[in-house]
């Protein structure tokens, strides 16, 4: 193997490593976003979430009628 071939191989490996780091970062971001969506739908915390019910559900109740 000549020097140019070795240098090209090292550059390719570094580029692949950079792509892998970017892909890992994007994947983690997507996982965090999905986790947030699931917690919103499931209603984490003390008050239940109304994210997964139909329109008009959970509004004010008119008891005067």
C-alpha atoms as a PDB file:
ATOM      1  CA  UNK A   1       0.000   0.000   0.000  1.00  0.00           C
ATOM      2  CA  UNK A   2       1.280   3.403  -0.832  1.00  0.00           C
ATOM      3  CA  UNK A   3       1.060   6.520   1.307  1.00  0.00           C
ATOM      4  CA  UNK A   4      -1.792   8.093  -0.660  1.00  0.00           C
ATOM      5  CA  UNK A   5      -3.869   4.968  -0.254  1.00  0.00           C
ATOM      6  CA  UNK A   6      -3.299   4.909   3.508  1.00  0.00           C
ATOM      7  CA  UNK A   7      -4.120   8.618   3.817  1.00  0.00           C
ATOM      8  CA  UNK A   8      -7.332   8.162   1.831  1.00  0.00           C
ATOM      9  CA  UNK A   9      -8.277   5.242   4.060  1.00  0.00           C
ATOM     10  CA  UNK A  10      -7.753   7.320   7.221  1.00  0.00           C
ATOM     11  CA  UNK A  11      -9.779  10.223   5.821  1.00  0.00           C
ATOM     12  CA  UNK A  12     -12.597   7.854   4.897  1.00  0.00           C
ATOM     13  CA  UNK A  13     -12.599   6.363   8.380  1.00  0.00           C
ATOM     14  CA  UNK A  14     -12.734   9.814   9.970  1.00  0.00           C
ATOM     15  CA  UNK A  15     -15.632  10.840   7.706  1.00  0.00           C
ATOM     16  CA  UNK A  16     -17.491   7.651   8.605  1.00  0.00           C
ATOM     17  CA  UNK A  17     -16.925   8.305  12.292  1.00  0.00           C
ATOM     18  CA  UNK A  18     -18.283  11.838  11.948  1.00  0.00           C
ATOM     19  CA  UNK A  19     -21.363  10.564  10.119  1.00  0.00           C
ATOM     20  CA  UNK A  20     -21.928   7.994  12.849  1.00  0.00           C
ATOM     21  CA  UNK A  21     -21.711  10.662  15.560  1.00  0.00           C
ATOM     22  CA  UNK A  22     -24.218  12.868  13.722  1.00  0.00           C
ATOM     23  CA  UNK A  23     -26.591   9.936  13.181  1.00  0.00           C
ATOM     24  CA  UNK A  24     -26.401   9.030  16.876  1.00  0.00           C
ATOM     25  CA  UNK A  25     -27.157  12.607  17.875  1.00  0.00           C
ATOM     26  CA  UNK A  26     -30.165  12.819  15.524  1.00  0.00           C
ATOM     27  CA  UNK A  27     -31.462   9.457  16.725  1.00  0.00           C
ATOM     28  CA  UNK A  28     -31.225  10.543  20.367  1.00  0.00           C
ATOM     29  CA  UNK A  29     -33.084  13.740  19.550  1.00  0.00           C
ATOM     30  CA  UNK A  30     -35.838  11.777  17.798  1.00  0.00           C
ATOM     31  CA  UNK A  31     -36.129   9.357  20.713  1.00  0.00           C
ATOM     32  CA  UNK A  32     -36.442  12.253  23.163  1.00  0.00           C
ATOM     33  CA  UNK A  33     -39.177  13.853  21.025  1.00  0.00           C
ATOM     34  CA  UNK A  34     -41.100  10.582  20.807  1.00  0.00           C
ATOM     35  CA  UNK A  35     -40.776  10.074  24.554  1.00  0.00           C
ATOM     36  CA  UNK A  36     -42.202  13.530  25.131  1.00  0.00           C
ATOM     37  CA  UNK A  37     -45.121  12.790  22.798  1.00  0.00           C
ATOM     38  CA  UNK A  38     -45.913   9.511  24.548  1.00  0.00           C
ATOM     39  CA  UNK A  39     -45.785  11.140  27.976  1.00  0.00           C
ATOM     40  CA  UNK A  40     -48.133  13.873  26.745  1.00  0.00           C
ATOM     41  CA  UNK A  41     -50.620  11.329  25.431  1.00  0.00           C
ATOM     42  CA  UNK A  42     -50.434   9.122  28.518  1.00  0.00           C
ATOM     43  CA  UNK A  43     -50.751  12.107  30.821  1.00  0.00           C
ATOM     44  CA  UNK A  44     -47.718  12.074  33.047  1.00  0.00           C
ATOM     45  CA  UNK A  45     -48.070  14.146  36.170  1.00  0.00           C
ATOM     46  CA  UNK A  46     -50.990  14.868  38.452  1.00  0.00           C
ATOM     47  CA  UNK A  47     -53.542  16.105  35.915  1.00  0.00           C
ATOM     48  CA  UNK A  48     -54.666  13.773  33.127  1.00  0.00           C
ATOM     49  CA  UNK A  49     -53.945  14.778  29.551  1.00  0.00           C
ATOM     50  CA  UNK A  50     -56.705  15.435  27.052  1.00  0.00           C
ATOM     51  CA  UNK A  51     -54.391  15.017  24.071  1.00  0.00           C
ATOM     52  CA  UNK A  52     -55.954  11.746  22.936  1.00  0.00           C
ATOM     53  CA  UNK A  53     -59.658  12.592  23.202  1.00  0.00           C
ATOM     54  CA  UNK A  54     -62.003  13.994  20.581  1.00  0.00           C
ATOM     55  CA  UNK A  55     -62.847  17.619  19.966  1.00  0.00           C
ATOM     56  CA  UNK A  56     -65.131  19.179  22.571  1.00  0.00           C
ATOM     57  CA  UNK A  57     -64.289  16.648  25.273  1.00  0.00           C
ATOM     58  CA  UNK A  58     -63.021  18.079  28.538  1.00  0.00           C
ATOM     59  CA  UNK A  59     -64.453  21.535  28.093  1.00  0.00           C
ATOM     60  CA  UNK A  60     -66.801  23.364  30.427  1.00  0.00           C
ATOM     61  CA  UNK A  61     -69.887  21.529  31.684  1.00  0.00           C
ATOM     62  CA  UNK A  62     -73.176  23.456  31.604  1.00  0.00           C
ATOM     63  CA  UNK A  63     -75.222  22.180  34.537  1.00  0.00           C
ATOM     64  CA  UNK A  64     -77.928  24.859  34.247  1.00  0.00           C
ATOM     65  CA  UNK A  65     -79.722  23.110  31.383  1.00  0.00           C
END
